Protein backbone atom coordinates (compact mmCIF):
# COMPACT_ATOMS: atom_id res chain seq x y z
CA MET A 1 34.48 4.53 -1.42
CA ASP A 2 31.90 6.04 -4.38
CA ALA A 3 28.77 3.93 -3.55
CA ARG A 4 26.85 5.82 -6.61
CA ALA A 5 29.07 3.94 -8.99
CA GLU A 6 28.63 0.47 -7.20
CA GLY A 7 24.95 0.51 -7.05
CA PRO A 8 22.15 0.60 -4.39
CA VAL A 9 22.95 -2.87 -3.12
CA ALA A 10 26.47 -1.97 -2.39
CA LEU A 11 25.35 1.86 -0.91
CA THR A 12 23.10 -0.41 1.69
CA ASN A 13 25.79 -3.08 2.59
CA HIS A 14 28.22 -0.17 2.88
CA ALA A 15 25.59 1.92 5.15
CA VAL A 16 24.97 -1.36 7.29
CA THR A 17 28.65 -2.03 7.78
CA TRP A 18 29.26 1.47 8.78
CA LEU A 19 26.14 1.25 11.44
CA ARG A 20 27.49 -2.11 12.99
CA LYS A 21 31.09 -0.93 13.19
CA ASN A 22 29.83 2.32 15.00
CA ARG A 23 27.47 0.03 16.89
CA ALA A 24 24.25 1.84 16.06
CA PRO A 25 21.07 0.36 16.69
CA LEU A 26 19.54 -1.62 13.43
CA PRO A 27 15.97 -1.46 12.68
CA GLY A 28 14.06 -5.22 13.23
CA VAL A 29 12.04 -6.36 10.57
CA SER A 30 8.81 -5.10 12.14
CA MET A 31 9.71 -1.71 11.80
CA PRO A 32 10.34 -1.36 7.96
CA ALA A 33 7.19 -3.90 7.57
CA ARG A 34 4.91 -1.25 9.90
CA GLN A 35 6.04 1.55 7.68
CA LEU A 36 5.14 -0.13 4.47
CA SER A 37 1.77 -0.96 6.09
CA GLU A 38 1.21 2.48 6.60
CA ALA A 39 2.83 4.01 3.67
CA ARG A 40 0.31 1.66 1.72
CA THR A 41 -2.99 2.70 3.95
CA ALA A 42 -2.07 5.82 3.05
CA ALA A 43 -1.73 5.77 -0.67
CA GLU A 44 -5.03 3.41 -0.53
CA ARG A 45 -6.82 6.30 1.06
CA ARG A 46 -5.64 9.10 -1.20
CA LEU A 47 -6.53 7.10 -4.24
CA TYR A 48 -9.90 6.62 -2.57
CA GLU A 49 -10.33 9.53 -2.18
CA ALA A 50 -9.35 10.84 -5.50
CA VAL A 51 -11.81 8.51 -7.06
CA ALA A 52 -14.51 9.66 -5.01
CA ARG A 53 -14.00 13.49 -6.04
CA ALA A 54 -13.56 12.43 -10.02
CA THR A 55 -16.81 10.25 -9.74
CA VAL A 56 -18.71 13.13 -7.89
CA ARG A 57 -17.26 15.74 -10.71
CA ALA A 58 -18.16 13.59 -13.30
CA ASP A 59 -21.90 12.62 -12.40
CA THR A 60 -23.47 13.02 -9.08
CA ALA A 61 -25.44 9.71 -9.35
CA LEU A 62 -22.40 7.87 -10.41
CA ALA A 63 -20.65 7.53 -6.84
CA PRO A 64 -23.61 6.08 -5.42
CA ALA A 65 -23.58 3.52 -8.46
CA LEU A 66 -20.20 2.30 -7.95
CA ALA A 67 -20.56 1.73 -4.26
CA GLU A 68 -23.59 -0.26 -5.09
CA LEU A 69 -21.11 -2.46 -7.19
CA LEU A 70 -19.22 -3.55 -3.89
CA VAL A 71 -22.27 -4.81 -2.16
CA VAL A 72 -21.99 -8.69 -1.94
CA PRO A 73 -25.33 -10.54 -1.69
CA GLU A 74 -25.90 -13.05 0.54
CA CYS A 75 -25.73 -16.78 -0.96
CA GLY A 76 -27.41 -18.66 1.53
CA PRO A 77 -25.83 -22.27 0.89
CA PRO A 78 -22.69 -22.92 -0.77
CA GLY A 79 -22.97 -23.04 -4.66
CA ARG A 80 -26.11 -20.50 -4.83
CA CYS A 81 -24.19 -17.73 -5.37
CA THR A 82 -23.32 -18.31 -9.31
CA ARG A 83 -25.26 -15.50 -10.66
CA TRP A 84 -24.40 -11.89 -9.61
């Protein structure tokens, strides 16, 4: 079987069939979900670090100014936080 000619879905189906036939343990849903979450967290950290380095190189006052934009003010009762 030439899986490349049939596409990624056929390749995945063939792989799962082979794993089941050979009684190999298949990963549960939580394993790929955990790996995806870890990869996403690592990518977010790399992006944050790259932006932080770029802001310091561009202007030393820029990083604190950008961080200040992330501060959410205390609003008190509902409806009082309409102006930021």
